[in-house]
Amino acid sequence: MLRAAAWTGGLFALGAGICHLFPGPFVEPLVLIALGTTLFFVSGRSPAPSRDASASPAPRAVTTREAR
């Protein structure tokens, strides 16, 4: 959560700086689109690593004594 807040704050500070340096009617909408796209890609999660079936032990039967 802290990492997401840092990315959001940093990107919006960068966007505000760009809008301040380059005043114009189309700069702010372009910066907002770029910020939204960047946040979308930054917030994406990588897929979980696949488990190798040969590496995990085979399931075994559990007796009633072990289950208690």
N, C-alpha and C. Protein backbone atom coordinates (compact mmCIF):
# COMPACT_ATOMS: atom_id res chain seq x y z
N MET A 1 0.82 -1.18 0.00
CA MET A 1 0.00 0.00 0.00
C MET A 1 0.87 1.25 0.00
N LEU A 2 1.94 1.21 0.74
CA LEU A 2 2.85 2.35 0.80
C LEU A 2 3.51 2.56 -0.56
N ARG A 3 3.84 1.47 -1.23
CA ARG A 3 4.46 1.58 -2.55
C ARG A 3 3.49 2.21 -3.55
N ALA A 4 2.23 1.84 -3.49
CA ALA A 4 1.22 2.42 -4.39
C ALA A 4 1.04 3.91 -4.12
N ALA A 5 1.05 4.28 -2.85
CA ALA A 5 0.92 5.70 -2.50
C ALA A 5 2.13 6.49 -2.98
N ALA A 6 3.32 5.90 -2.87
CA ALA A 6 4.53 6.58 -3.34
C ALA A 6 4.51 6.76 -4.85
N TRP A 7 4.11 5.71 -5.58
CA TRP A 7 4.01 5.82 -7.04
C TRP A 7 2.99 6.89 -7.42
N THR A 8 1.84 6.88 -6.78
CA THR A 8 0.79 7.83 -7.11
C THR A 8 1.23 9.26 -6.84
N GLY A 9 1.79 9.48 -5.65
CA GLY A 9 2.26 10.83 -5.31
C GLY A 9 3.37 11.30 -6.23
N GLY A 10 4.32 10.42 -6.52
CA GLY A 10 5.43 10.80 -7.39
C GLY A 10 4.99 11.09 -8.81
N LEU A 11 4.10 10.26 -9.34
CA LEU A 11 3.64 10.48 -10.72
C LEU A 11 2.80 11.74 -10.83
N PHE A 12 1.95 12.01 -9.85
CA PHE A 12 1.16 13.23 -9.92
C PHE A 12 2.00 14.47 -9.69
N ALA A 13 3.05 14.38 -8.90
CA ALA A 13 3.97 15.52 -8.76
C ALA A 13 4.70 15.77 -10.08
N LEU A 14 5.11 14.70 -10.74
CA LEU A 14 5.74 14.84 -12.06
C LEU A 14 4.76 15.44 -13.07
N GLY A 15 3.52 14.96 -13.06
CA GLY A 15 2.51 15.51 -13.96
C GLY A 15 2.22 16.97 -13.71
N ALA A 16 2.16 17.36 -12.44
CA ALA A 16 1.93 18.76 -12.11
C ALA A 16 3.10 19.62 -12.57
N GLY A 17 4.32 19.11 -12.44
CA GLY A 17 5.48 19.84 -12.92
C GLY A 17 5.47 20.03 -14.42
N ILE A 18 5.08 18.99 -15.14
CA ILE A 18 5.00 19.08 -16.61
C ILE A 18 3.93 20.09 -17.01
N CYS A 19 2.78 20.05 -16.36
CA CYS A 19 1.71 21.00 -16.68
C CYS A 19 2.12 22.44 -16.36
N HIS A 20 2.92 22.61 -15.33
CA HIS A 20 3.39 23.95 -14.96
C HIS A 20 4.44 24.46 -15.95
N LEU A 21 5.32 23.58 -16.41
CA LEU A 21 6.38 24.00 -17.33
C LEU A 21 5.87 24.24 -18.75
N PHE A 22 4.87 23.50 -19.16
CA PHE A 22 4.36 23.59 -20.52
C PHE A 22 2.87 23.94 -20.49
N PRO A 23 2.54 25.19 -20.24
CA PRO A 23 1.12 25.56 -20.22
C PRO A 23 0.53 25.49 -21.63
N GLY A 24 -0.61 24.93 -21.73
CA GLY A 24 -1.28 24.82 -23.02
C GLY A 24 -2.60 24.11 -22.85
N PRO A 25 -3.48 24.23 -23.83
CA PRO A 25 -4.82 23.65 -23.67
C PRO A 25 -4.84 22.12 -23.72
N PHE A 26 -3.83 21.50 -24.36
CA PHE A 26 -3.87 20.05 -24.51
C PHE A 26 -2.86 19.32 -23.63
N VAL A 27 -2.06 20.06 -22.90
CA VAL A 27 -1.02 19.42 -22.08
C VAL A 27 -1.63 18.67 -20.91
N GLU A 28 -2.54 19.30 -20.19
CA GLU A 28 -3.12 18.66 -19.00
C GLU A 28 -3.89 17.38 -19.33
N PRO A 29 -4.74 17.34 -20.35
CA PRO A 29 -5.41 16.07 -20.67
C PRO A 29 -4.42 14.98 -21.08
N LEU A 30 -3.39 15.34 -21.83
CA LEU A 30 -2.39 14.34 -22.22
C LEU A 30 -1.63 13.81 -21.01
N VAL A 31 -1.30 14.70 -20.08
CA VAL A 31 -0.60 14.27 -18.86
C VAL A 31 -1.50 13.36 -18.03
N LEU A 32 -2.78 13.68 -17.92
CA LEU A 32 -3.70 12.84 -17.15
C LEU A 32 -3.87 11.46 -17.79
N ILE A 33 -3.93 11.41 -19.11
CA ILE A 33 -4.01 10.11 -19.79
C ILE A 33 -2.74 9.31 -19.55
N ALA A 34 -1.59 9.98 -19.64
CA ALA A 34 -0.32 9.30 -19.40
C ALA A 34 -0.21 8.81 -17.96
N LEU A 35 -0.68 9.62 -16.99
CA LEU A 35 -0.66 9.20 -15.59
C LEU A 35 -1.55 7.98 -15.36
N GLY A 36 -2.75 8.01 -15.92
CA GLY A 36 -3.65 6.88 -15.76
C GLY A 36 -3.09 5.61 -16.36
N THR A 37 -2.50 5.72 -17.54
CA THR A 37 -1.91 4.55 -18.19
C THR A 37 -0.73 4.02 -17.40
N THR A 38 0.12 4.92 -16.93
CA THR A 38 1.29 4.50 -16.14
C THR A 38 0.87 3.83 -14.85
N LEU A 39 -0.10 4.40 -14.15
CA LEU A 39 -0.58 3.78 -12.90
C LEU A 39 -1.22 2.43 -13.16
N PHE A 40 -1.89 2.29 -14.29
CA PHE A 40 -2.50 1.01 -14.66
C PHE A 40 -1.43 -0.06 -14.82
N PHE A 41 -0.35 0.26 -15.53
CA PHE A 41 0.71 -0.72 -15.75
C PHE A 41 1.54 -0.97 -14.51
N VAL A 42 1.77 0.05 -13.70
CA VAL A 42 2.57 -0.12 -12.49
C VAL A 42 1.82 -0.97 -11.47
N SER A 43 0.50 -0.82 -11.41
CA SER A 43 -0.27 -1.53 -10.39
C SER A 43 -0.55 -2.98 -10.78
N GLY A 44 -0.25 -3.37 -11.98
CA GLY A 44 -0.49 -4.75 -12.40
C GLY A 44 0.39 -5.72 -11.63
N ARG A 45 -0.15 -6.88 -11.37
CA ARG A 45 0.61 -7.90 -10.64
C ARG A 45 1.14 -8.94 -11.60
N SER A 46 2.30 -9.45 -11.28
CA SER A 46 2.85 -10.52 -12.10
C SER A 46 2.17 -11.83 -11.72
N PRO A 47 2.02 -12.74 -12.65
CA PRO A 47 1.35 -14.01 -12.32
C PRO A 47 2.17 -14.83 -11.33
N ALA A 48 1.47 -15.60 -10.54
CA ALA A 48 2.14 -16.46 -9.55
C ALA A 48 2.95 -17.53 -10.27
N PRO A 49 4.08 -17.90 -9.71
CA PRO A 49 4.88 -18.95 -10.36
C PRO A 49 4.13 -20.28 -10.37
N SER A 50 4.24 -20.98 -11.46
CA SER A 50 3.54 -22.27 -11.55
C SER A 50 4.28 -23.30 -10.72
N ARG A 51 3.51 -24.19 -10.15
CA ARG A 51 4.10 -25.24 -9.32
C ARG A 51 4.46 -26.43 -10.18
N ASP A 52 5.59 -26.99 -9.90
CA ASP A 52 6.01 -28.18 -10.62
C ASP A 52 5.40 -29.39 -9.92
N ALA A 53 4.67 -30.20 -10.68
CA ALA A 53 3.98 -31.36 -10.09
C ALA A 53 4.96 -32.38 -9.54
N SER A 54 6.14 -32.52 -10.13
CA SER A 54 7.09 -33.51 -9.66
C SER A 54 7.80 -33.06 -8.38
N ALA A 55 7.80 -31.77 -8.09
CA ALA A 55 8.50 -31.27 -6.90
C ALA A 55 7.66 -31.42 -5.63
N SER A 56 6.34 -31.44 -5.75
CA SER A 56 5.52 -31.54 -4.56
C SER A 56 5.32 -33.01 -4.20
N PRO A 57 5.26 -33.31 -2.91
CA PRO A 57 5.07 -34.70 -2.50
C PRO A 57 3.66 -35.18 -2.86
N ALA A 58 3.55 -36.46 -3.09
CA ALA A 58 2.25 -37.06 -3.43
C ALA A 58 1.36 -37.04 -2.20
N PRO A 59 0.06 -36.76 -2.38
CA PRO A 59 -0.84 -36.76 -1.22
C PRO A 59 -0.98 -38.18 -0.67
N ARG A 60 -1.08 -38.26 0.66
CA ARG A 60 -1.21 -39.56 1.29
C ARG A 60 -2.51 -39.61 2.05
N ALA A 61 -2.95 -40.81 2.33
CA ALA A 61 -4.20 -40.99 3.08
C ALA A 61 -3.98 -40.62 4.54
N VAL A 62 -4.97 -39.96 5.11
CA VAL A 62 -4.90 -39.57 6.52
C VAL A 62 -5.80 -40.50 7.30
N THR A 63 -5.25 -41.08 8.37
CA THR A 63 -6.04 -41.99 9.21
C THR A 63 -6.90 -41.17 10.15
N THR A 64 -7.89 -41.80 10.73
CA THR A 64 -8.76 -41.09 11.67
C THR A 64 -8.00 -40.67 12.92
N ARG A 65 -7.01 -41.44 13.31
CA ARG A 65 -6.21 -41.08 14.48
C ARG A 65 -5.42 -39.81 14.22
N GLU A 66 -4.88 -39.63 13.02
CA GLU A 66 -4.15 -38.42 12.69
C GLU A 66 -5.08 -37.22 12.55
N ALA A 67 -6.29 -37.47 12.11
CA ALA A 67 -7.24 -36.39 11.90
C ALA A 67 -7.72 -35.79 13.22
N ARG A 68 -7.66 -36.56 14.28
CA ARG A 68 -8.11 -36.05 15.59
C ARG A 68 -7.05 -35.20 16.13
